[in-house]
Amino acid sequence: MPTARCQLGIGSRPQLSLGEVRMVAKFVQIADELRARVRERQYAEGTVLPRQSELATEFDVNVNTVSAALKLLEREGLVQSRRSQGTVVLPQIPLRKVGMDRYSRRRWERPTEAEDGAPYMDERGWQPAAQSTEISIEPATEEMAGRLEIDEGEDVVRRARVIRDARGTVTHTLVSYYPHRIAKGTLLMSEEQGPAGHGGAFRVLTDLGHEPHSINERLHARLPDGDEAQSLEMGIGEPIVEMRRRTYDGSGVPIEYAIGLHRASRFQWNYTFNVPE
């Protein structure tokens, strides 16, 4: 474990020029160094970092500067401050969200066992037991009526899911809304845990004659509010990525509106596409 004094910007990692170092706040430099140690497993998962006073001595700064660096790492989801324990290195198990390919027809028309109903994949494959589901029927708010192009007050089916990884850590939540006239009596209203049957919700919609044809998706990075942080079981200072998705059938009718909240430290968005004319 590093104990000697550390000269910031010096080491095996890419060095900054003296001018660049002066331009970077000290707490950012300290965060960069500690982040590198976590990535390089000098501070392994579950490790309690040295006390702030010890880090302040090592980096030759005051405790407030160290505290700012640790808060930055906590917002990134690398560490967590715990009472009576200190600052702990969190498990680093990033999930990979597979860009546009996760919406390919084969995933709901001919899903493999690993892909069954799962647009979110990690290196271990889909974990059916990792998804809890709550179903409710609600009158459409003005906003939701507009999103689904239905009358305000018309019934919608709300399908809310909390998704955990194999270790039980919440990675994201997803709430989908469907017009009740479409979802009534289907697996979209099933309260069984996990995907809505073989092939997931898109397969159900396809079997009902509403095959997904086009999708509008918007991503927005922000900090969570208190309720969102609680549902994701995370610190309020850690950022999230909000995903809003509207799905249309071949006739241009909205058949689903979904809102996903993703822990930013657990996901990567990767897209490969032809450059538009």
C-alpha atoms as a PDB file:
ATOM      1  CA  MET A   1       0.000   0.000   0.000  1.00  0.00           C
ATOM      2  CA  PRO A   2       1.503   3.391  -0.953  1.00  0.00           C
ATOM      3  CA  THR A   3       2.733   5.291   2.090  1.00  0.00           C
ATOM      4  CA  ALA A   4       5.564   7.507   0.868  1.00  0.00           C
ATOM      5  CA  ARG A   5       4.877  11.031  -0.260  1.00  0.00           C
ATOM      6  CA  CYS A   6       3.603  11.188  -3.821  1.00  0.00           C
ATOM      7  CA  GLN A   7       4.696  13.868  -6.263  1.00  0.00           C
ATOM      8  CA  LEU A   8       1.584  14.538  -8.321  1.00  0.00           C
ATOM      9  CA  GLY A   9       1.892  14.068 -12.064  1.00  0.00           C
ATOM     10  CA  ILE A  10       5.000  11.877 -11.716  1.00  0.00           C
ATOM     11  CA  GLY A  11       4.994   8.099 -12.181  1.00  0.00           C
ATOM     12  CA  SER A  12       4.494   5.316 -14.710  1.00  0.00           C
ATOM     13  CA  ARG A  13       1.325   6.912 -16.083  1.00  0.00           C
ATOM     14  CA  PRO A  14       1.373   9.733 -18.696  1.00  0.00           C
ATOM     15  CA  GLN A  15       3.039  12.799 -17.216  1.00  0.00           C
ATOM     16  CA  LEU A  16       1.736  16.338 -17.340  1.00  0.00           C
ATOM     17  CA  SER A  17       3.964  19.288 -18.125  1.00  0.00           C
ATOM     18  CA  LEU A  18       4.618  21.736 -15.293  1.00  0.00           C
ATOM     19  CA  GLY A  19       2.239  24.237 -16.888  1.00  0.00           C
ATOM     20  CA  GLU A  20      -0.476  21.626 -17.246  1.00  0.00           C
ATOM     21  CA  VAL A  21      -0.074  20.500 -13.634  1.00  0.00           C
ATOM     22  CA  ARG A  22      -0.484  24.060 -12.404  1.00  0.00           C
ATOM     23  CA  MET A  23      -3.681  24.398 -14.416  1.00  0.00           C
ATOM     24  CA  VAL A  24      -5.235  21.250 -12.902  1.00  0.00           C
ATOM     25  CA  ALA A  25      -6.730  21.587  -9.435  1.00  0.00           C
ATOM     26  CA  LYS A  26      -4.858  19.558  -6.825  1.00  0.00           C
ATOM     27  CA  PHE A  27      -7.944  17.595  -5.799  1.00  0.00           C
ATOM     28  CA  VAL A  28      -8.382  16.514  -9.454  1.00  0.00           C
ATOM     29  CA  GLN A  29      -4.748  15.359  -9.582  1.00  0.00           C
ATOM     30  CA  ILE A  30      -5.241  13.379  -6.382  1.00  0.00           C
ATOM     31  CA  ALA A  31      -8.447  11.853  -7.738  1.00  0.00           C
ATOM     32  CA  ASP A  32      -6.575  10.882 -10.930  1.00  0.00           C
ATOM     33  CA  GLU A  33      -3.869   9.146  -8.891  1.00  0.00           C
ATOM     34  CA  LEU A  34      -6.306   7.300  -6.640  1.00  0.00           C
ATOM     35  CA  ARG A  35      -8.459   6.320  -9.629  1.00  0.00           C
ATOM     36  CA  ALA A  36      -5.383   4.857 -11.325  1.00  0.00           C
ATOM     37  CA  ARG A  37      -4.549   2.860  -8.208  1.00  0.00           C
ATOM     38  CA  VAL A  38      -8.057   1.416  -8.177  1.00  0.00           C
ATOM     39  CA  ARG A  39      -7.856   0.553 -11.892  1.00  0.00           C
ATOM     40  CA  GLU A  40      -4.451  -1.062 -11.381  1.00  0.00           C
ATOM     41  CA  ARG A  41      -5.748  -3.042  -8.367  1.00  0.00           C
ATOM     42  CA  GLN A  42      -3.380  -1.387  -5.905  1.00  0.00           C
ATOM     43  CA  TYR A  43      -6.591  -0.708  -4.026  1.00  0.00           C
ATOM     44  CA  ALA A  44      -8.635  -3.842  -4.612  1.00  0.00           C
ATOM     45  CA  GLU A  45     -12.410  -4.191  -4.431  1.00  0.00           C
ATOM     46  CA  GLY A  46     -13.601  -3.914  -0.834  1.00  0.00           C
ATOM     47  CA  THR A  47     -10.386  -2.219   0.311  1.00  0.00           C
ATOM     48  CA  VAL A  48     -10.714   0.629   2.797  1.00  0.00           C
ATOM     49  CA  LEU A  49      -8.631   3.546   1.584  1.00  0.00           C
ATOM     50  CA  PRO A  50      -6.125   5.160   3.930  1.00  0.00           C
ATOM     51  CA  ARG A  51      -7.531   7.818   6.256  1.00  0.00           C
ATOM     52  CA  GLN A  52      -7.912  11.271   4.778  1.00  0.00           C
ATOM     53  CA  SER A  53      -5.203  12.571   7.109  1.00  0.00           C
ATOM     54  CA  GLU A  54      -2.807   9.900   5.836  1.00  0.00           C
ATOM     55  CA  LEU A  55      -3.578  10.750   2.214  1.00  0.00           C
ATOM     56  CA  ALA A  56      -3.136  14.437   2.985  1.00  0.00           C
ATOM     57  CA  THR A  57       0.342  13.691   4.319  1.00  0.00           C
ATOM     58  CA  GLU A  58       1.196  11.513   1.343  1.00  0.00           C
ATOM     59  CA  PHE A  59       0.116  14.119  -1.204  1.00  0.00           C
ATOM     60  CA  ASP A  60       1.343  17.085   0.873  1.00  0.00           C
ATOM     61  CA  VAL A  61      -2.041  18.837   0.868  1.00  0.00           C
ATOM     62  CA  ASN A  62      -4.685  19.656   3.455  1.00  0.00           C
ATOM     63  CA  VAL A  63      -7.512  17.287   4.394  1.00  0.00           C
ATOM     64  CA  ASN A  64     -10.135  19.403   2.604  1.00  0.00           C
ATOM     65  CA  THR A  65      -8.341  18.825  -0.712  1.00  0.00           C
ATOM     66  CA  VAL A  66      -8.326  15.056  -0.129  1.00  0.00           C
ATOM     67  CA  SER A  67     -11.994  15.171   0.828  1.00  0.00           C
ATOM     68  CA  ALA A  68     -12.831  16.911  -2.470  1.00  0.00           C
ATOM     69  CA  ALA A  69     -10.897  14.255  -4.400  1.00  0.00           C
ATOM     70  CA  LEU A  70     -12.757  11.421  -2.655  1.00  0.00           C
ATOM     71  CA  LYS A  71     -16.114  13.073  -3.320  1.00  0.00           C
ATOM     72  CA  LEU A  72     -15.227  13.200  -7.011  1.00  0.00           C
ATOM     73  CA  LEU A  73     -14.454   9.463  -7.016  1.00  0.00           C
ATOM     74  CA  GLU A  74     -17.660   8.764  -5.105  1.00  0.00           C
ATOM     75  CA  ARG A  75     -19.687  10.587  -7.757  1.00  0.00           C
ATOM     76  CA  GLU A  76     -18.041   8.318 -10.342  1.00  0.00           C
ATOM     77  CA  GLY A  77     -19.149   5.227  -8.420  1.00  0.00           C
ATOM     78  CA  LEU A  78     -15.579   4.067  -7.692  1.00  0.00           C
ATOM     79  CA  VAL A  79     -15.718   4.409  -3.915  1.00  0.00           C
ATOM     80  CA  GLN A  80     -18.279   4.894  -1.184  1.00  0.00           C
ATOM     81  CA  SER A  81     -17.982   6.643   2.158  1.00  0.00           C
ATOM     82  CA  ARG A  82     -19.333   4.458   4.975  1.00  0.00           C
ATOM     83  CA  ARG A  83     -19.827   5.446   8.584  1.00  0.00           C
ATOM     84  CA  SER A  84     -17.463   3.833  11.080  1.00  0.00           C
ATOM     85  CA  GLN A  85     -15.623   2.157   8.192  1.00  0.00           C
ATOM     86  CA  GLY A  86     -14.153   4.832   5.953  1.00  0.00           C
ATOM     87  CA  THR A  87     -13.942   5.101   2.178  1.00  0.00           C
ATOM     88  CA  VAL A  88     -14.392   1.702   0.523  1.00  0.00           C
ATOM     89  CA  VAL A  89     -13.519   0.678  -3.047  1.00  0.00           C
ATOM     90  CA  LEU A  90     -16.692  -0.535  -4.767  1.00  0.00           C
ATOM     91  CA  PRO A  91     -16.919  -3.550  -7.106  1.00  0.00           C
ATOM     92  CA  GLN A  92     -16.045  -2.577 -10.649  1.00  0.00           C
ATOM     93  CA  ILE A  93     -18.394  -4.620 -12.825  1.00  0.00           C
ATOM     94  CA  PRO A  94     -19.348  -2.344 -15.717  1.00  0.00           C
ATOM     95  CA  LEU A  95     -22.252  -3.552 -17.816  1.00  0.00           C
ATOM     96  CA  ARG A  96     -22.058  -3.118 -21.543  1.00  0.00           C
ATOM     97  CA  LYS A  97     -25.169  -1.775 -23.221  1.00  0.00           C
ATOM     98  CA  VAL A  98     -24.975  -2.765 -26.859  1.00  0.00           C
ATOM     99  CA  GLY A  99     -26.013   0.360 -28.758  1.00  0.00           C
ATOM    100  CA  MET A 100     -28.583   0.003 -31.524  1.00  0.00           C
ATOM    101  CA  ASP A 101     -27.981  -3.737 -31.908  1.00  0.00           C
ATOM    102  CA  ARG A 102     -29.915  -4.418 -28.719  1.00  0.00           C
ATOM    103  CA  TYR A 103     -33.063  -3.515 -30.660  1.00  0.00           C
ATOM    104  CA  SER A 104     -32.387  -5.860 -33.589  1.00  0.00           C
ATOM    105  CA  ARG A 105     -35.357  -8.036 -34.562  1.00  0.00           C
ATOM    106  CA  ARG A 106     -33.495 -11.276 -33.931  1.00  0.00           C
ATOM    107  CA  ARG A 107     -33.478 -10.471 -30.218  1.00  0.00           C
ATOM    108  CA  TRP A 108     -37.249 -10.825 -29.992  1.00  0.00           C
ATOM    109  CA  GLU A 109     -38.044 -12.937 -33.054  1.00  0.00           C
ATOM    110  CA  ARG A 110     -35.324 -15.588 -32.570  1.00  0.00           C
ATOM    111  CA  PRO A 111     -33.744 -14.965 -29.168  1.00  0.00           C
ATOM    112  CA  THR A 112     -31.023 -17.252 -27.888  1.00  0.00           C
ATOM    113  CA  GLU A 113     -31.211 -18.379 -24.270  1.00  0.00           C
ATOM    114  CA  ALA A 114     -28.698 -15.705 -23.292  1.00  0.00           C
ATOM    115  CA  GLU A 115     -30.576 -12.955 -25.151  1.00  0.00           C
ATOM    116  CA  ASP A 116     -34.115 -13.904 -24.135  1.00  0.00           C
ATOM    117  CA  GLY A 117     -35.902 -10.644 -23.337  1.00  0.00           C
ATOM    118  CA  ALA A 118     -32.658  -8.937 -22.397  1.00  0.00           C
ATOM    119  CA  PRO A 119     -31.462  -5.801 -24.204  1.00  0.00           C
ATOM    120  CA  TYR A 120     -28.919  -5.314 -21.394  1.00  0.00           C
ATOM    121  CA  MET A 121     -26.093  -7.836 -21.354  1.00  0.00           C
ATOM    122  CA  ASP A 122     -22.947  -8.333 -19.309  1.00  0.00           C
ATOM    123  CA  GLU A 123     -20.107 -10.794 -19.669  1.00  0.00           C
ATOM    124  CA  ARG A 124     -22.051 -13.423 -17.706  1.00  0.00           C
ATOM    125  CA  GLY A 125     -25.147 -13.237 -19.913  1.00  0.00           C
ATOM    126  CA  TRP A 126     -28.741 -12.593 -18.850  1.00  0.00           C
ATOM    127  CA  GLN A 127     -29.707 -13.314 -15.258  1.00  0.00           C
ATOM    128  CA  PRO A 128     -33.510 -13.858 -15.091  1.00  0.00           C
ATOM    129  CA  ALA A 129     -33.529 -13.739 -11.280  1.00  0.00           C
ATOM    130  CA  ALA A 130     -31.949 -10.274 -11.373  1.00  0.00           C
ATOM    131  CA  GLN A 131     -35.164  -8.480 -12.394  1.00  0.00           C
ATOM    132  CA  SER A 132     -38.108  -7.599 -10.153  1.00  0.00           C
ATOM    133  CA  THR A 133     -41.351  -6.352 -11.675  1.00  0.00           C
ATOM    134  CA  GLU A 134     -44.367  -4.342 -10.498  1.00  0.00           C
ATOM    135  CA  ILE A 135     -47.491  -3.869 -12.621  1.00  0.00           C
ATOM    136  CA  SER A 136     -50.174  -1.207 -12.230  1.00  0.00           C
ATOM    137  CA  ILE A 137     -52.976   0.346 -14.271  1.00  0.00           C
ATOM    138  CA  GLU A 138     -53.077   4.135 -14.131  1.00  0.00           C
ATOM    139  CA  PRO A 139     -54.937   6.976 -15.866  1.00  0.00           C
ATOM    140  CA  ALA A 140     -52.683   8.679 -18.388  1.00  0.00           C
ATOM    141  CA  THR A 141     -51.315  12.014 -17.228  1.00  0.00           C
ATOM    142  CA  GLU A 142     -51.254  14.902 -19.676  1.00  0.00           C
ATOM    143  CA  GLU A 143     -47.587  14.160 -20.413  1.00  0.00           C
ATOM    144  CA  MET A 144     -48.081  10.415 -20.899  1.00  0.00           C
ATOM    145  CA  ALA A 145     -51.174  10.960 -23.044  1.00  0.00           C
ATOM    146  CA  GLY A 146     -49.052  13.117 -25.305  1.00  0.00           C
ATOM    147  CA  ARG A 147     -46.239  10.564 -25.410  1.00  0.00           C
ATOM    148  CA  LEU A 148     -48.569   7.708 -26.355  1.00  0.00           C
ATOM    149  CA  GLU A 149     -50.940   9.864 -28.391  1.00  0.00           C
ATOM    150  CA  ILE A 150     -53.994   8.806 -26.390  1.00  0.00           C
ATOM    151  CA  ASP A 151     -56.626  10.723 -24.437  1.00  0.00           C
ATOM    152  CA  GLU A 152     -55.704  12.142 -21.046  1.00  0.00           C
ATOM    153  CA  GLY A 153     -57.186   9.891 -18.352  1.00  0.00           C
ATOM    154  CA  GLU A 154     -57.227   6.819 -20.605  1.00  0.00           C
ATOM    155  CA  ASP A 155     -55.839   3.737 -18.840  1.00  0.00           C
ATOM    156  CA  VAL A 156     -52.197   2.823 -19.356  1.00  0.00           C
ATOM    157  CA  VAL A 157     -50.289  -0.212 -18.104  1.00  0.00           C
ATOM    158  CA  ARG A 158     -47.215   0.727 -16.070  1.00  0.00           C
ATOM    159  CA  ARG A 159     -44.552  -1.995 -15.961  1.00  0.00           C
ATOM    160  CA  ALA A 160     -41.775  -1.040 -13.508  1.00  0.00           C
ATOM    161  CA  ARG A 161     -38.616  -3.091 -13.182  1.00  0.00           C
ATOM    162  CA  VAL A 162     -35.552  -3.007 -10.938  1.00  0.00           C
ATOM    163  CA  ILE A 163     -32.565  -4.800 -12.474  1.00  0.00           C
ATOM    164  CA  ARG A 164     -29.658  -6.149 -10.435  1.00  0.00           C
ATOM    165  CA  ASP A 165     -26.384  -7.734 -11.456  1.00  0.00           C
ATOM    166  CA  ALA A 166     -25.268 -11.197 -10.360  1.00  0.00           C
ATOM    167  CA  ARG A 167     -24.010  -9.763  -7.068  1.00  0.00           C
ATOM    168  CA  GLY A 168     -27.343  -8.199  -6.214  1.00  0.00           C
ATOM    169  CA  THR A 169     -26.306  -4.602  -6.944  1.00  0.00           C
ATOM    170  CA  VAL A 170     -28.976  -2.454  -8.594  1.00  0.00           C
ATOM    171  CA  THR A 171     -27.702  -1.347 -12.005  1.00  0.00           C
ATOM    172  CA  HIS A 172     -30.779   0.393 -13.403  1.00  0.00           C
ATOM    173  CA  THR A 173     -34.524   0.788 -13.253  1.00  0.00           C
ATOM    174  CA  LEU A 174     -36.882   0.758 -16.219  1.00  0.00           C
ATOM    175  CA  VAL A 175     -40.529   1.861 -16.298  1.00  0.00           C
ATOM    176  CA  SER A 176     -42.510   1.155 -19.471  1.00  0.00           C
ATOM    177  CA  TYR A 177     -45.973   2.474 -20.279  1.00  0.00           C
ATOM    178  CA  TYR A 178     -48.348   0.791 -22.748  1.00  0.00           C
ATOM    179  CA  PRO A 179     -51.868   1.740 -23.844  1.00  0.00           C
ATOM    180  CA  HIS A 180     -54.221  -0.493 -21.834  1.00  0.00           C
ATOM    181  CA  ARG A 181     -56.178  -1.361 -24.986  1.00  0.00           C
ATOM    182  CA  ILE A 182     -52.991  -3.011 -26.335  1.00  0.00           C
ATOM    183  CA  ALA A 183     -51.556  -4.562 -23.160  1.00  0.00           C
ATOM    184  CA  LYS A 184     -54.822  -5.781 -21.569  1.00  0.00           C
ATOM    185  CA  GLY A 185     -54.773  -9.520 -20.868  1.00  0.00           C
ATOM    186  CA  THR A 186     -51.239 -10.037 -22.225  1.00  0.00           C
ATOM    187  CA  LEU A 187     -47.902 -10.982 -20.684  1.00  0.00           C
ATOM    188  CA  LEU A 188     -47.153  -7.264 -20.452  1.00  0.00           C
ATOM    189  CA  MET A 189     -49.409  -7.360 -17.390  1.00  0.00           C
ATOM    190  CA  SER A 190     -47.815 -10.470 -15.904  1.00  0.00           C
ATOM    191  CA  GLU A 191     -46.427  -9.918 -12.417  1.00  0.00           C
ATOM    192  CA  GLU A 192     -43.951 -12.775 -12.779  1.00  0.00           C
ATOM    193  CA  GLN A 193     -40.398 -11.616 -12.237  1.00  0.00           C
ATOM    194  CA  GLY A 194     -38.155 -11.117 -15.262  1.00  0.00           C
ATOM    195  CA  PRO A 195     -38.853 -10.483 -18.958  1.00  0.00           C
ATOM    196  CA  ALA A 196     -42.404 -10.522 -20.323  1.00  0.00           C
ATOM    197  CA  GLY A 197     -42.183 -14.021 -21.752  1.00  0.00           C
ATOM    198  CA  HIS A 198     -39.916 -15.542 -24.431  1.00  0.00           C
ATOM    199  CA  GLY A 199     -38.436 -12.686 -26.454  1.00  0.00           C
ATOM    200  CA  GLY A 200     -39.545  -9.990 -24.030  1.00  0.00           C
ATOM    201  CA  ALA A 201     -42.045  -7.151 -24.455  1.00  0.00           C
ATOM    202  CA  PHE A 202     -41.206  -6.544 -28.121  1.00  0.00           C
ATOM    203  CA  ARG A 203     -42.127 -10.139 -28.932  1.00  0.00           C
ATOM    204  CA  VAL A 204     -45.458  -9.698 -27.124  1.00  0.00           C
ATOM    205  CA  LEU A 205     -46.165  -6.521 -29.095  1.00  0.00           C
ATOM    206  CA  THR A 206     -45.233  -8.272 -32.351  1.00  0.00           C
ATOM    207  CA  ASP A 207     -47.609 -11.159 -31.620  1.00  0.00           C
ATOM    208  CA  LEU A 208     -50.357  -8.579 -31.000  1.00  0.00           C
ATOM    209  CA  GLY A 209     -49.845  -7.088 -34.452  1.00  0.00           C
ATOM    210  CA  HIS A 210     -47.819  -4.107 -33.234  1.00  0.00           C
ATOM    211  CA  GLU A 211     -44.302  -5.068 -34.270  1.00  0.00           C
ATOM    212  CA  PRO A 212     -41.790  -2.358 -33.267  1.00  0.00           C
ATOM    213  CA  HIS A 213     -40.731  -0.480 -36.383  1.00  0.00           C
ATOM    214  CA  SER A 214     -38.963   2.689 -35.227  1.00  0.00           C
ATOM    215  CA  ILE A 215     -37.559   3.985 -31.955  1.00  0.00           C
ATOM    216  CA  ASN A 216     -36.734   7.462 -30.717  1.00  0.00           C
ATOM    217  CA  GLU A 217     -34.283   7.369 -27.815  1.00  0.00           C
ATOM    218  CA  ARG A 218     -32.841  10.222 -25.766  1.00  0.00           C
ATOM    219  CA  LEU A 219     -30.020  10.051 -23.212  1.00  0.00           C
ATOM    220  CA  HIS A 220     -29.459  12.658 -20.505  1.00  0.00           C
ATOM    221  CA  ALA A 221     -26.706  12.579 -17.859  1.00  0.00           C
ATOM    222  CA  ARG A 222     -27.593  14.195 -14.522  1.00  0.00           C
ATOM    223  CA  LEU A 223     -27.593  13.727 -10.754  1.00  0.00           C
ATOM    224  CA  PRO A 224     -30.463  11.756  -9.203  1.00  0.00           C
ATOM    225  CA  ASP A 225     -32.986  13.159  -6.783  1.00  0.00           C
ATOM    226  CA  GLY A 226     -33.467  11.535  -3.373  1.00  0.00           C
ATOM    227  CA  ASP A 227     -36.145   9.048  -4.475  1.00  0.00           C
ATOM    228  CA  GLU A 228     -34.157   8.004  -7.538  1.00  0.00           C
ATOM    229  CA  ALA A 229     -30.989   7.483  -5.510  1.00  0.00           C
ATOM    230  CA  GLN A 230     -32.957   5.364  -3.048  1.00  0.00           C
ATOM    231  CA  SER A 231     -34.482   3.185  -5.777  1.00  0.00           C
ATOM    232  CA  LEU A 232     -31.019   2.668  -7.293  1.00  0.00           C
ATOM    233  CA  GLU A 233     -29.492   2.087  -3.828  1.00  0.00           C
ATOM    234  CA  MET A 234     -26.716   4.591  -4.520  1.00  0.00           C
ATOM    235  CA  GLY A 235     -25.300   7.806  -3.183  1.00  0.00           C
ATOM    236  CA  ILE A 236     -27.132  10.971  -4.214  1.00  0.00           C
ATOM    237  CA  GLY A 237     -23.860  12.453  -5.536  1.00  0.00           C
ATOM    238  CA  GLU A 238     -23.264   9.662  -8.088  1.00  0.00           C
ATOM    239  CA  PRO A 239     -24.448  10.580 -11.602  1.00  0.00           C
ATOM    240  CA  ILE A 240     -27.048   8.664 -13.576  1.00  0.00           C
ATOM    241  CA  VAL A 241     -27.975   8.481 -17.237  1.00  0.00           C
ATOM    242  CA  GLU A 242     -31.668   8.884 -17.931  1.00  0.00           C
ATOM    243  CA  MET A 243     -32.941   7.097 -21.029  1.00  0.00           C
ATOM    244  CA  ARG A 244     -36.311   8.004 -22.556  1.00  0.00           C
ATOM    245  CA  ARG A 245     -37.560   5.799 -25.374  1.00  0.00           C
ATOM    246  CA  ARG A 246     -40.663   5.965 -27.548  1.00  0.00           C
ATOM    247  CA  THR A 247     -41.410   2.955 -29.748  1.00  0.00           C
ATOM    248  CA  TYR A 248     -43.678   3.062 -32.812  1.00  0.00           C
ATOM    249  CA  ASP A 249     -45.277   0.291 -34.862  1.00  0.00           C
ATOM    250  CA  GLY A 250     -45.265   0.194 -38.666  1.00  0.00           C
ATOM    251  CA  SER A 251     -48.220   2.563 -38.919  1.00  0.00           C
ATOM    252  CA  GLY A 252     -46.461   5.206 -36.814  1.00  0.00           C
ATOM    253  CA  VAL A 253     -48.555   4.601 -33.674  1.00  0.00           C
ATOM    254  CA  PRO A 254     -46.692   4.862 -30.326  1.00  0.00           C
ATOM    255  CA  ILE A 255     -46.921   1.471 -28.590  1.00  0.00           C
ATOM    256  CA  GLU A 256     -44.543   2.011 -25.676  1.00  0.00           C
ATOM    257  CA  TYR A 257     -42.951   4.842 -23.745  1.00  0.00           C
ATOM    258  CA  ALA A 258     -40.103   3.895 -21.415  1.00  0.00           C
ATOM    259  CA  ILE A 259     -37.994   5.743 -18.853  1.00  0.00           C
ATOM    260  CA  GLY A 260     -34.756   4.119 -17.684  1.00  0.00           C
ATOM    261  CA  LEU A 261     -32.433   5.334 -14.936  1.00  0.00           C
ATOM    262  CA  HIS A 262     -28.938   3.886 -15.231  1.00  0.00           C
ATOM    263  CA  ARG A 263     -26.006   4.171 -12.842  1.00  0.00           C
ATOM    264  CA  ALA A 264     -23.490   5.965 -15.025  1.00  0.00           C
ATOM    265  CA  SER A 265     -20.576   3.944 -13.626  1.00  0.00           C
ATOM    266  CA  ARG A 266     -22.171   0.664 -14.745  1.00  0.00           C
ATOM    267  CA  PHE A 267     -22.852   1.296 -18.418  1.00  0.00           C
ATOM    268  CA  GLN A 268     -21.175   2.043 -21.710  1.00  0.00           C
ATOM    269  CA  TRP A 269     -23.115   3.108 -24.790  1.00  0.00           C
ATOM    270  CA  ASN A 270     -21.516   1.962 -28.035  1.00  0.00           C
ATOM    271  CA  TYR A 271     -22.877   2.799 -31.485  1.00  0.00           C
ATOM    272  CA  THR A 272     -21.755   1.778 -34.951  1.00  0.00           C
ATOM    273  CA  PHE A 273     -23.658   3.298 -37.868  1.00  0.00           C
ATOM    274  CA  ASN A 274     -23.261   4.568 -41.392  1.00  0.00           C
ATOM    275  CA  VAL A 275     -22.682   8.303 -41.684  1.00  0.00           C
ATOM    276  CA  PRO A 276     -25.916   9.949 -42.926  1.00  0.00           C
ATOM    277  CA  GLU A 277     -25.863  11.754 -46.268  1.00  0.00           C
END
